[in-house]
PDB file of N, CA and C in Angstrom:
ATOM      1  N   MET A   1       9.520   3.392  16.896  1.00  0.00           N
ATOM      2  CA  MET A   1       8.262   3.157  15.920  1.00  0.00           C
ATOM      3  C   MET A   1       7.341   1.744  15.717  1.00  0.00           C
ATOM      4  N   SER A   2       6.479   1.059  15.481  1.00  0.00           N
ATOM      5  CA  SER A   2       5.943   0.449  15.408  1.00  0.00           C
ATOM      6  C   SER A   2       6.066  -0.533  14.452  1.00  0.00           C
ATOM      7  N   SER A   3       6.163  -1.272  14.019  1.00  0.00           N
ATOM      8  CA  SER A   3       6.522  -2.622  13.276  1.00  0.00           C
ATOM      9  C   SER A   3       5.313  -2.856  12.421  1.00  0.00           C
ATOM     10  N   GLN A   4       5.313  -1.657  11.437  1.00  0.00           N
ATOM     11  CA  GLN A   4       4.567  -1.020  10.595  1.00  0.00           C
ATOM     12  C   GLN A   4       5.026  -2.098   9.322  1.00  0.00           C
ATOM     13  N   SER A   5       4.251  -2.165   8.085  1.00  0.00           N
ATOM     14  CA  SER A   5       4.920  -2.069   6.453  1.00  0.00           C
ATOM     15  C   SER A   5       5.421  -0.457   5.749  1.00  0.00           C
ATOM     16  N   SER A   6       6.340  -1.312   5.839  1.00  0.00           N
ATOM     17  CA  SER A   6       7.287  -0.377   4.052  1.00  0.00           C
ATOM     18  C   SER A   6       6.211   0.191   3.001  1.00  0.00           C
ATOM     19  N   GLN A   7       5.607  -0.801   2.500  1.00  0.00           N
ATOM     20  CA  GLN A   7       5.205  -1.034   1.519  1.00  0.00           C
ATOM     21  C   GLN A   7       4.114   0.187   0.896  1.00  0.00           C
ATOM     22  N   PRO A   8       4.722   0.699   0.405  1.00  0.00           N
ATOM     23  CA  PRO A   8       3.789   1.843  -0.773  1.00  0.00           C
ATOM     24  C   PRO A   8       2.165   1.794  -0.121  1.00  0.00           C
ATOM     25  N   LEU A   9       1.789   2.813   0.411  1.00  0.00           N
ATOM     26  CA  LEU A   9       0.024   2.607   0.332  1.00  0.00           C
ATOM     27  C   LEU A   9      -0.074   3.777  -0.412  1.00  0.00           C
ATOM     28  N   ARG A  10      -1.639   3.089  -1.235  1.00  0.00           N
ATOM     29  CA  ARG A  10      -2.555   2.899  -2.687  1.00  0.00           C
ATOM     30  C   ARG A  10      -3.301   2.997  -2.207  1.00  0.00           C
ATOM     31  N   SER A  11      -4.216   3.967  -2.723  1.00  0.00           N
ATOM     32  CA  SER A  11      -5.229   4.621  -2.741  1.00  0.00           C
ATOM     33  C   SER A  11      -6.393   3.070  -3.061  1.00  0.00           C
ATOM     34  N   ASP A  12      -7.784   3.717  -1.345  1.00  0.00           N
ATOM     35  CA  ASP A  12      -8.571   1.797  -2.230  1.00  0.00           C
ATOM     36  C   ASP A  12      -9.485   2.895  -3.370  1.00  0.00           C
ATOM     37  N   MET A  13      -9.275   4.106  -3.879  1.00  0.00           N
ATOM     38  CA  MET A  13     -10.021   4.435  -4.968  1.00  0.00           C
ATOM     39  C   MET A  13      -8.607   5.038  -6.003  1.00  0.00           C
ATOM     40  N   ALA A  14      -8.018   4.156  -6.327  1.00  0.00           N
ATOM     41  CA  ALA A  14      -6.792   4.754  -7.076  1.00  0.00           C
ATOM     42  C   ALA A  14      -7.787   4.083  -8.852  1.00  0.00           C
ATOM     43  N   GLY A  15      -8.503   3.022  -8.554  1.00  0.00           N
ATOM     44  CA  GLY A  15      -8.775   2.223  -9.999  1.00  0.00           C
ATOM     45  C   GLY A  15     -10.364   3.372 -10.136  1.00  0.00           C
ATOM     46  N   ASP A  16     -10.734   4.101  -9.475  1.00  0.00           N
ATOM     47  CA  ASP A  16     -11.775   5.121  -9.848  1.00  0.00           C
ATOM     48  C   ASP A  16     -10.969   5.891 -10.730  1.00  0.00           C
ATOM     49  N   PRO A  17     -11.693   6.089 -12.605  1.00  0.00           N
ATOM     50  CA  PRO A  17     -11.191   7.376 -13.020  1.00  0.00           C
ATOM     51  C   PRO A  17     -11.660   8.042 -12.715  1.00  0.00           C
ATOM     52  N   ASP A  18     -12.875   8.648 -12.544  1.00  0.00           N
ATOM     53  CA  ASP A  18     -12.954  10.087 -11.130  1.00  0.00           C
ATOM     54  C   ASP A  18     -12.430  11.362 -10.381  1.00  0.00           C
ATOM     55  N   MET A  19     -12.017   9.581  -9.586  1.00  0.00           N
ATOM     56  CA  MET A  19     -11.160  10.029  -8.108  1.00  0.00           C
ATOM     57  C   MET A  19      -9.800  10.245  -8.652  1.00  0.00           C
ATOM     58  N   LEU A  20      -8.863  10.201  -9.900  1.00  0.00           N
ATOM     59  CA  LEU A  20      -7.834   9.902 -10.385  1.00  0.00           C
ATOM     60  C   LEU A  20      -7.209  11.470  -9.594  1.00  0.00           C
ATOM     61  N   ASP A  21      -7.273  11.964 -10.543  1.00  0.00           N
ATOM     62  CA  ASP A  21      -7.221  13.454 -10.359  1.00  0.00           C
ATOM     63  C   ASP A  21      -7.197  13.751  -8.872  1.00  0.00           C
ATOM     64  N   LEU A  22      -7.689  13.624  -7.829  1.00  0.00           N
ATOM     65  CA  LEU A  22      -8.270  14.045  -6.275  1.00  0.00           C
ATOM     66  C   LEU A  22      -6.976  13.756  -5.829  1.00  0.00           C
ATOM     67  N   VAL A  23      -7.462  11.690  -6.337  1.00  0.00           N
ATOM     68  CA  VAL A  23      -5.714  10.964  -5.779  1.00  0.00           C
ATOM     69  C   VAL A  23      -4.717  11.367  -5.787  1.00  0.00           C
ATOM     70  N   GLU A  24      -3.974  12.076  -6.809  1.00  0.00           N
ATOM     71  CA  GLU A  24      -3.312  12.034  -7.386  1.00  0.00           C
ATOM     72  C   GLU A  24      -2.510  13.936  -6.240  1.00  0.00           C
ATOM     73  N   LEU A  25      -3.856  14.976  -6.130  1.00  0.00           N
ATOM     74  CA  LEU A  25      -3.083  15.859  -5.939  1.00  0.00           C
ATOM     75  C   LEU A  25      -3.370  15.869  -3.972  1.00  0.00           C
ATOM     76  N   TYR A  26      -3.959  14.560  -4.138  1.00  0.00           N
ATOM     77  CA  TYR A  26      -3.789  13.884  -2.261  1.00  0.00           C
ATOM     78  C   TYR A  26      -2.377  13.662  -2.315  1.00  0.00           C
ATOM     79  N   VAL A  27      -2.234  12.502  -2.928  1.00  0.00           N
ATOM     80  CA  VAL A  27      -0.448  11.814  -2.588  1.00  0.00           C
ATOM     81  C   VAL A  27       0.368  13.587  -2.794  1.00  0.00           C
ATOM     82  N   ASN A  28       0.404  14.189  -3.924  1.00  0.00           N
ATOM     83  CA  ASN A  28       1.081  15.337  -4.022  1.00  0.00           C
ATOM     84  C   ASN A  28       1.549  16.755  -2.658  1.00  0.00           C
ATOM     85  N   GLU A  29       0.747  16.264  -2.701  1.00  0.00           N
ATOM     86  CA  GLU A  29       0.496  17.293  -0.726  1.00  0.00           C
ATOM     87  C   GLU A  29       0.854  17.284   0.043  1.00  0.00           C
ATOM     88  N   MET A  30       1.304  15.590  -0.089  1.00  0.00           N
ATOM     89  CA  MET A  30       1.784  14.824   1.287  1.00  0.00           C
ATOM     90  C   MET A  30       2.782  15.161   1.365  1.00  0.00           C
ATOM     91  N   PRO A  31       3.423  15.143   1.219  1.00  0.00           N
ATOM     92  CA  PRO A  31       4.869  16.008   1.121  1.00  0.00           C
ATOM     93  C   PRO A  31       5.039  17.497   2.800  1.00  0.00           C
ATOM     94  N   GLU A  32       4.776  18.028   1.525  1.00  0.00           N
ATOM     95  CA  GLU A  32       4.240  19.685   2.667  1.00  0.00           C
ATOM     96  C   GLU A  32       3.906  19.599   3.539  1.00  0.00           C
ATOM     97  N   ARG A  33       2.405  18.461   3.560  1.00  0.00           N
ATOM     98  CA  ARG A  33       1.904  18.060   4.832  1.00  0.00           C
ATOM     99  C   ARG A  33       2.683  17.725   6.124  1.00  0.00           C
ATOM    100  N   MET A  34       3.134  16.273   6.356  1.00  0.00           N
ATOM    101  CA  MET A  34       4.635  16.191   6.868  1.00  0.00           C
ATOM    102  C   MET A  34       5.125  17.173   7.092  1.00  0.00           C
ATOM    103  N   ALA A  35       6.004  17.838   6.310  1.00  0.00           N
ATOM    104  CA  ALA A  35       6.359  19.136   6.597  1.00  0.00           C
ATOM    105  C   ALA A  35       6.395  19.610   7.433  1.00  0.00           C
ATOM    106  N   ASN A  36       5.154  19.839   8.061  1.00  0.00           N
ATOM    107  CA  ASN A  36       3.936  21.224   8.792  1.00  0.00           C
ATOM    108  C   ASN A  36       3.726  19.858   9.972  1.00  0.00           C
ATOM    109  N   LEU A  37       3.374  18.706  10.078  1.00  0.00           N
ATOM    110  CA  LEU A  37       3.362  18.091  10.446  1.00  0.00           C
ATOM    111  C   LEU A  37       5.017  18.497  11.690  1.00  0.00           C
ATOM    112  N   GLN A  38       5.566  18.176  11.229  1.00  0.00           N
ATOM    113  CA  GLN A  38       6.835  17.485  11.663  1.00  0.00           C
ATOM    114  C   GLN A  38       7.651  19.309  13.069  1.00  0.00           C
ATOM    115  N   ARG A  39       7.195  20.078  11.798  1.00  0.00           N
ATOM    116  CA  ARG A  39       7.294  21.458  12.236  1.00  0.00           C
ATOM    117  C   ARG A  39       6.797  21.323  13.601  1.00  0.00           C
ATOM    118  N   LEU A  40       5.350  20.847  13.898  1.00  0.00           N
ATOM    119  CA  LEU A  40       4.745  21.456  14.644  1.00  0.00           C
ATOM    120  C   LEU A  40       5.392  20.630  15.492  1.00  0.00           C
ATOM    121  N   TRP A  41       5.298  18.985  15.364  1.00  0.00           N
ATOM    122  CA  TRP A  41       6.230  19.004  16.924  1.00  0.00           C
ATOM    123  C   TRP A  41       7.387  19.116  16.690  1.00  0.00           C
ATOM    124  N   ARG A  42       8.306  19.896  16.155  1.00  0.00           N
ATOM    125  CA  ARG A  42       9.109  19.847  16.717  1.00  0.00           C
ATOM    126  C   ARG A  42       9.128  21.360  17.480  1.00  0.00           C
ATOM    127  N   GLU A  43       7.992  22.149  17.756  1.00  0.00           N
ATOM    128  CA  GLU A  43       7.844  23.756  17.684  1.00  0.00           C
ATOM    129  C   GLU A  43       6.974  23.885  19.080  1.00  0.00           C
ATOM    130  N   GLN A  44       5.710  22.009  19.065  1.00  0.00           N
ATOM    131  CA  GLN A  44       5.499  21.615  20.421  1.00  0.00           C
ATOM    132  C   GLN A  44       4.288  22.706  20.172  1.00  0.00           C
ATOM    133  N   GLU A  45       4.043  23.014  18.385  1.00  0.00           N
ATOM    134  CA  GLU A  45       2.685  23.267  19.139  1.00  0.00           C
ATOM    135  C   GLU A  45       1.633  22.482  18.955  1.00  0.00           C
ATOM    136  N   LEU A  46       1.241  21.955  19.988  1.00  0.00           N
ATOM    137  CA  LEU A  46       0.698  20.787  20.467  1.00  0.00           C
ATOM    138  C   LEU A  46      -0.794  21.537  19.130  1.00  0.00           C
ATOM    139  N   GLU A  47      -1.335  21.961  20.216  1.00  0.00           N
ATOM    140  CA  GLU A  47      -3.219  22.461  19.791  1.00  0.00           C
ATOM    141  C   GLU A  47      -2.985  22.327  18.320  1.00  0.00           C
ATOM    142  N   GLU A  48      -2.324  23.718  17.359  1.00  0.00           N
ATOM    143  CA  GLU A  48      -2.584  23.152  16.081  1.00  0.00           C
ATOM    144  C   GLU A  48      -1.954  21.781  15.456  1.00  0.00           C
ATOM    145  N   LEU A  49      -1.056  21.162  16.238  1.00  0.00           N
ATOM    146  CA  LEU A  49      -0.281  19.635  15.434  1.00  0.00           C
ATOM    147  C   LEU A  49      -1.976  18.789  15.929  1.00  0.00           C
ATOM    148  N   ARG A  50      -2.699  18.771  16.877  1.00  0.00           N
ATOM    149  CA  ARG A  50      -3.998  17.969  17.117  1.00  0.00           C
ATOM    150  C   ARG A  50      -5.340  18.692  15.922  1.00  0.00           C
ATOM    151  N   ARG A  51      -5.413  19.912  15.874  1.00  0.00           N
ATOM    152  CA  ARG A  51      -5.819  20.629  14.264  1.00  0.00           C
ATOM    153  C   ARG A  51      -6.177  20.106  13.299  1.00  0.00           C
ATOM    154  N   ILE A  52      -4.525  19.936  12.981  1.00  0.00           N
ATOM    155  CA  ILE A  52      -4.246  19.293  11.375  1.00  0.00           C
ATOM    156  C   ILE A  52      -4.541  17.817  11.410  1.00  0.00           C
ATOM    157  N   ALA A  53      -4.306  17.347  12.583  1.00  0.00           N
ATOM    158  CA  ALA A  53      -4.011  15.286  13.298  1.00  0.00           C
ATOM    159  C   ALA A  53      -5.671  14.970  12.431  1.00  0.00           C
ATOM    160  N   HIS A  54      -6.832  15.696  13.129  1.00  0.00           N
ATOM    161  CA  HIS A  54      -8.271  16.353  13.265  1.00  0.00           C
ATOM    162  C   HIS A  54      -8.408  16.100  11.357  1.00  0.00           C
ATOM    163  N   GLN A  55      -8.324  17.127  10.563  1.00  0.00           N
ATOM    164  CA  GLN A  55      -8.582  17.554   9.425  1.00  0.00           C
ATOM    165  C   GLN A  55      -7.541  16.156   8.564  1.00  0.00           C
ATOM    166  N   LEU A  56      -6.520  15.953   8.756  1.00  0.00           N
ATOM    167  CA  LEU A  56      -5.762  14.596   7.685  1.00  0.00           C
ATOM    168  C   LEU A  56      -6.984  13.085   8.298  1.00  0.00           C
ATOM    169  N   LYS A  57      -7.361  13.206   9.504  1.00  0.00           N
ATOM    170  CA  LYS A  57      -8.398  12.184   9.687  1.00  0.00           C
ATOM    171  C   LYS A  57      -9.424  12.006   8.936  1.00  0.00           C
ATOM    172  N   GLY A  58      -9.782  13.029   9.265  1.00  0.00           N
ATOM    173  CA  GLY A  58     -11.336  13.234   8.353  1.00  0.00           C
ATOM    174  C   GLY A  58     -11.336  13.240   6.555  1.00  0.00           C
ATOM    175  N   ALA A  59     -10.008  13.837   5.999  1.00  0.00           N
ATOM    176  CA  ALA A  59     -10.316  13.934   4.388  1.00  0.00           C
ATOM    177  C   ALA A  59      -9.440  12.728   4.124  1.00  0.00           C
ATOM    178  N   SER A  60      -9.236  11.586   4.442  1.00  0.00           N
ATOM    179  CA  SER A  60      -7.966  10.699   4.083  1.00  0.00           C
ATOM    180  C   SER A  60      -9.238  10.058   3.762  1.00  0.00           C
ATOM    181  N   ALA A  61     -10.150   9.408   4.130  1.00  0.00           N
ATOM    182  CA  ALA A  61     -11.245   8.561   3.711  1.00  0.00           C
ATOM    183  C   ALA A  61     -11.286   8.624   3.093  1.00  0.00           C
ATOM    184  N   GLY A  62     -11.470   9.565   2.709  1.00  0.00           N
ATOM    185  CA  GLY A  62     -12.250   9.759   1.849  1.00  0.00           C
ATOM    186  C   GLY A  62     -11.438  10.141   0.672  1.00  0.00           C
ATOM    187  N   TYR A  63     -10.302  10.096  -0.066  1.00  0.00           N
ATOM    188  CA  TYR A  63      -9.364   9.690  -0.843  1.00  0.00           C
ATOM    189  C   TYR A  63      -9.330   8.393  -1.016  1.00  0.00           C
ATOM    190  N   GLY A  64      -9.527   7.573   0.106  1.00  0.00           N
ATOM    191  CA  GLY A  64      -9.437   6.350  -0.649  1.00  0.00           C
ATOM    192  C   GLY A  64      -8.179   5.522   0.685  1.00  0.00           C
ATOM    193  N   PHE A  65      -7.500   6.311   1.722  1.00  0.00           N
ATOM    194  CA  PHE A  65      -6.367   5.952   2.187  1.00  0.00           C
ATOM    195  C   PHE A  65      -6.974   5.988   3.721  1.00  0.00           C
ATOM    196  N   ALA A  66      -7.611   5.256   4.099  1.00  0.00           N
ATOM    197  CA  ALA A  66      -7.756   5.120   5.221  1.00  0.00           C
ATOM    198  C   ALA A  66      -6.213   4.739   6.515  1.00  0.00           C
ATOM    199  N   PRO A  67      -5.711   4.041   6.247  1.00  0.00           N
ATOM    200  CA  PRO A  67      -4.205   3.647   6.982  1.00  0.00           C
ATOM    201  C   PRO A  67      -3.696   5.232   7.587  1.00  0.00           C
ATOM    202  N   VAL A  68      -4.277   6.369   6.602  1.00  0.00           N
ATOM    203  CA  VAL A  68      -3.584   7.780   7.333  1.00  0.00           C
ATOM    204  C   VAL A  68      -4.796   8.203   7.939  1.00  0.00           C
ATOM    205  N   GLY A  69      -6.140   8.448   7.981  1.00  0.00           N
ATOM    206  CA  GLY A  69      -6.986   8.644   9.020  1.00  0.00           C
ATOM    207  C   GLY A  69      -6.656   7.783   9.895  1.00  0.00           C
ATOM    208  N   ASP A  70      -6.553   6.416  10.101  1.00  0.00           N
ATOM    209  CA  ASP A  70      -6.406   5.779  11.333  1.00  0.00           C
ATOM    210  C   ASP A  70      -5.774   6.456  12.192  1.00  0.00           C
ATOM    211  N   ALA A  71      -4.455   6.578  11.719  1.00  0.00           N
ATOM    212  CA  ALA A  71      -3.223   7.262  12.562  1.00  0.00           C
ATOM    213  C   ALA A  71      -3.360   8.462  12.982  1.00  0.00           C
ATOM    214  N   ALA A  72      -4.118   8.751  12.075  1.00  0.00           N
ATOM    215  CA  ALA A  72      -4.375  10.757  12.608  1.00  0.00           C
ATOM    216  C   ALA A  72      -4.824  10.432  13.615  1.00  0.00           C
ATOM    217  N   GLY A  73      -6.387  10.063  14.349  1.00  0.00           N
ATOM    218  CA  GLY A  73      -7.077   9.800  14.897  1.00  0.00           C
ATOM    219  C   GLY A  73      -6.345   9.710  16.282  1.00  0.00           C
ATOM    220  N   LYS A  74      -5.341   8.374  15.768  1.00  0.00           N
ATOM    221  CA  LYS A  74      -4.370   7.975  16.831  1.00  0.00           C
ATOM    222  C   LYS A  74      -3.610   8.935  17.650  1.00  0.00           C
ATOM    223  N   LEU A  75      -3.071  10.063  16.800  1.00  0.00           N
ATOM    224  CA  LEU A  75      -2.403  10.890  17.221  1.00  0.00           C
ATOM    225  C   LEU A  75      -3.784  11.674  17.758  1.00  0.00           C
ATOM    226  N   GLU A  76      -4.236  12.665  17.052  1.00  0.00           N
ATOM    227  CA  GLU A  76      -5.646  13.282  17.562  1.00  0.00           C
ATOM    228  C   GLU A  76      -5.669  12.483  18.888  1.00  0.00           C
ATOM    229  N   ARG A  77      -6.369  11.523  18.968  1.00  0.00           N
ATOM    230  CA  ARG A  77      -6.610  10.581  20.316  1.00  0.00           C
ATOM    231  C   ARG A  77      -5.387  11.180  21.483  1.00  0.00           C
ATOM    232  N   SER A  78      -4.233  11.175  21.184  1.00  0.00           N
ATOM    233  CA  SER A  78      -3.753  11.143  22.286  1.00  0.00           C
ATOM    234  C   SER A  78      -2.644  12.558  22.685  1.00  0.00           C
ATOM    235  N   LEU A  79      -3.447  13.725  21.932  1.00  0.00           N
ATOM    236  CA  LEU A  79      -3.355  14.714  21.991  1.00  0.00           C
ATOM    237  C   LEU A  79      -3.659  15.257  22.995  1.00  0.00           C
ATOM    238  N   LEU A  80      -5.395  15.011  23.255  1.00  0.00           N
ATOM    239  CA  LEU A  80      -5.941  14.903  23.409  1.00  0.00           C
ATOM    240  C   LEU A  80      -6.034  14.633  25.097  1.00  0.00           C
ATOM    241  N   ASP A  81      -5.756  13.221  24.814  1.00  0.00           N
ATOM    242  CA  ASP A  81      -5.644  12.329  25.952  1.00  0.00           C
ATOM    243  C   ASP A  81      -4.624  13.179  27.155  1.00  0.00           C
ATOM    244  N   LEU A  82      -3.342  13.879  26.623  1.00  0.00           N
ATOM    245  CA  LEU A  82      -2.287  14.735  26.577  1.00  0.00           C
ATOM    246  C   LEU A  82      -2.650  16.271  28.296  1.00  0.00           C
ATOM    247  N   GLY A  83      -4.115  16.713  27.592  1.00  0.00           N
ATOM    248  CA  GLY A  83      -4.344  17.215  28.614  1.00  0.00           C
ATOM    249  C   GLY A  83      -5.134  16.751  29.613  1.00  0.00           C
ATOM    250  N   ALA A  84      -5.393  15.233  29.516  1.00  0.00           N
ATOM    251  CA  ALA A  84      -5.991  14.522  30.947  1.00  0.00           C
ATOM    252  C   ALA A  84      -4.786  14.000  31.649  1.00  0.00           C
ATOM    253  N   ASN A  85      -4.448  13.692  31.608  1.00  0.00           N
ATOM    254  CA  ASN A  85      -3.038  12.889  31.673  1.00  0.00           C
ATOM    255  C   ASN A  85      -1.409  13.537  31.688  1.00  0.00           C
ATOM    256  N   SER A  86      -0.590  13.383  32.510  1.00  0.00           N
ATOM    257  CA  SER A  86       0.514  13.769  32.153  1.00  0.00           C
ATOM    258  C   SER A  86       1.185  12.432  32.844  1.00  0.00           C
ATOM    259  N   GLY A  87       2.758  12.460  32.051  1.00  0.00           N
ATOM    260  CA  GLY A  87       3.257  11.488  32.199  1.00  0.00           C
ATOM    261  C   GLY A  87       4.394  10.196  30.955  1.00  0.00           C
ATOM    262  N   GLU A  88       5.240   9.928  31.927  1.00  0.00           N
ATOM    263  CA  GLU A  88       6.164   9.344  30.798  1.00  0.00           C
ATOM    264  C   GLU A  88       5.203   8.026  30.586  1.00  0.00           C
ATOM    265  N   SER A  89       4.448   7.826  30.398  1.00  0.00           N
ATOM    266  CA  SER A  89       3.492   6.574  29.117  1.00  0.00           C
ATOM    267  C   SER A  89       2.420   7.267  28.314  1.00  0.00           C
ATOM    268  N   THR A  90       2.145   8.555  28.718  1.00  0.00           N
ATOM    269  CA  THR A  90       1.361   9.324  27.770  1.00  0.00           C
ATOM    270  C   THR A  90       2.340  10.326  27.142  1.00  0.00           C
ATOM    271  N   ASN A  91       3.239  10.546  27.288  1.00  0.00           N
ATOM    272  CA  ASN A  91       4.490  10.914  26.800  1.00  0.00           C
ATOM    273  C   ASN A  91       4.833  10.030  25.254  1.00  0.00           C
ATOM    274  N   GLN A  92       5.376   9.413  25.703  1.00  0.00           N
ATOM    275  CA  GLN A  92       5.520   7.637  25.184  1.00  0.00           C
ATOM    276  C   GLN A  92       4.822   8.021  23.876  1.00  0.00           C
ATOM    277  N   THR A  93       3.101   7.440  24.110  1.00  0.00           N
ATOM    278  CA  THR A  93       1.751   7.135  23.386  1.00  0.00           C
ATOM    279  C   THR A  93       2.244   8.246  22.746  1.00  0.00           C
ATOM    280  N   LEU A  94       2.287   9.275  22.794  1.00  0.00           N
ATOM    281  CA  LEU A  94       2.320  10.696  21.992  1.00  0.00           C
ATOM    282  C   LEU A  94       2.900  10.307  21.031  1.00  0.00           C
ATOM    283  N   ARG A  95       4.184  10.572  21.337  1.00  0.00           N
ATOM    284  CA  ARG A  95       5.411   9.825  20.493  1.00  0.00           C
ATOM    285  C   ARG A  95       5.216   9.016  19.540  1.00  0.00           C
ATOM    286  N   ARG A  96       4.418   8.014  20.123  1.00  0.00           N
ATOM    287  CA  ARG A  96       4.176   6.840  19.091  1.00  0.00           C
ATOM    288  C   ARG A  96       3.344   7.573  18.167  1.00  0.00           C
ATOM    289  N   ALA A  97       2.397   7.864  19.029  1.00  0.00           N
ATOM    290  CA  ALA A  97       1.056   7.624  17.693  1.00  0.00           C
ATOM    291  C   ALA A  97       1.544   8.878  16.528  1.00  0.00           C
ATOM    292  N   PHE A  98       2.545  10.016  16.855  1.00  0.00           N
ATOM    293  CA  PHE A  98       3.278  10.844  15.990  1.00  0.00           C
ATOM    294  C   PHE A  98       3.855  10.404  15.073  1.00  0.00           C
ATOM    295  N   GLU A  99       4.807   9.320  15.793  1.00  0.00           N
ATOM    296  CA  GLU A  99       5.873   8.733  14.463  1.00  0.00           C
ATOM    297  C   GLU A  99       4.803   7.399  13.800  1.00  0.00           C
ATOM    298  N   ASP A 100       4.037   7.050  14.020  1.00  0.00           N
ATOM    299  CA  ASP A 100       3.202   6.159  13.483  1.00  0.00           C
ATOM    300  C   ASP A 100       2.806   6.877  12.006  1.00  0.00           C
ATOM    301  N   LEU A 101       2.295   8.086  12.632  1.00  0.00           N
ATOM    302  CA  LEU A 101       1.416   8.972  11.349  1.00  0.00           C
ATOM    303  C   LEU A 101       2.531   9.255  10.183  1.00  0.00           C
ATOM    304  N   ILE A 102       3.609   9.969  10.865  1.00  0.00           N
ATOM    305  CA  ILE A 102       4.418  10.437   9.632  1.00  0.00           C
ATOM    306  C   ILE A 102       4.639   9.082   8.600  1.00  0.00           C
ATOM    307  N   HIS A 103       5.225   7.933   9.747  1.00  0.00           N
ATOM    308  CA  HIS A 103       5.413   6.747   9.158  1.00  0.00           C
ATOM    309  C   HIS A 103       4.275   6.128   7.981  1.00  0.00           C
ATOM    310  N   VAL A 104       2.774   6.067   8.155  1.00  0.00           N
ATOM    311  CA  VAL A 104       2.218   6.284   6.884  1.00  0.00           C
ATOM    312  C   VAL A 104       1.990   6.716   6.284  1.00  0.00           C
ATOM    313  N   CYS A 105       1.969   8.126   6.638  1.00  0.00           N
ATOM    314  CA  CYS A 105       2.196   9.313   5.940  1.00  0.00           C
ATOM    315  C   CYS A 105       3.052   9.178   4.726  1.00  0.00           C
ATOM    316  N   GLN A 106       3.932   8.527   4.815  1.00  0.00           N
ATOM    317  CA  GLN A 106       6.049   8.285   3.811  1.00  0.00           C
ATOM    318  C   GLN A 106       5.377   7.230   2.570  1.00  0.00           C
ATOM    319  N   ARG A 107       4.416   6.828   2.998  1.00  0.00           N
ATOM    320  CA  ARG A 107       4.347   4.953   2.813  1.00  0.00           C
ATOM    321  C   ARG A 107       2.673   6.271   1.718  1.00  0.00           C
ATOM    322  N   VAL A 108       2.011   7.057   1.663  1.00  0.00           N
ATOM    323  CA  VAL A 108       0.826   7.117   1.019  1.00  0.00           C
ATOM    324  C   VAL A 108       1.768   7.582  -0.975  1.00  0.00           C
ATOM    325  N   SER A 109       1.045   6.759  -2.368  1.00  0.00           N
ATOM    326  CA  SER A 109       1.754   6.962  -3.300  1.00  0.00           C
ATOM    327  C   SER A 109       0.234   6.487  -4.531  1.00  0.00           C
ATOM    328  N   ARG A 110       1.158   6.806  -5.207  1.00  0.00           N
ATOM    329  CA  ARG A 110       0.094   6.678  -6.403  1.00  0.00           C
ATOM    330  C   ARG A 110      -0.307   5.491  -6.712  1.00  0.00           C
TER     331      ARG A 110
END
């Protein structure tokens, strides 16, 4: 795993009262999203994993969690690269991207 922070990750929109409920919903749904990502990884459902990473990448910035979107984008790119390339380094990059996304998601907080 990369040397990322273990500090809670708070939304850039946490101070916006109009976004408070939406940010809270996003945070509350994160454990279920992580469980789904981990299940897809375990079952090697890579196309579905790529689809979920793409959705997470798009939605995260809208809730003020750009680091989640960045990590999801890296996983999505790694999964797309997997189709074009194969080999140990590609698999390691994919695993690292997946672990980094889970790590960032674990930090999501109110």
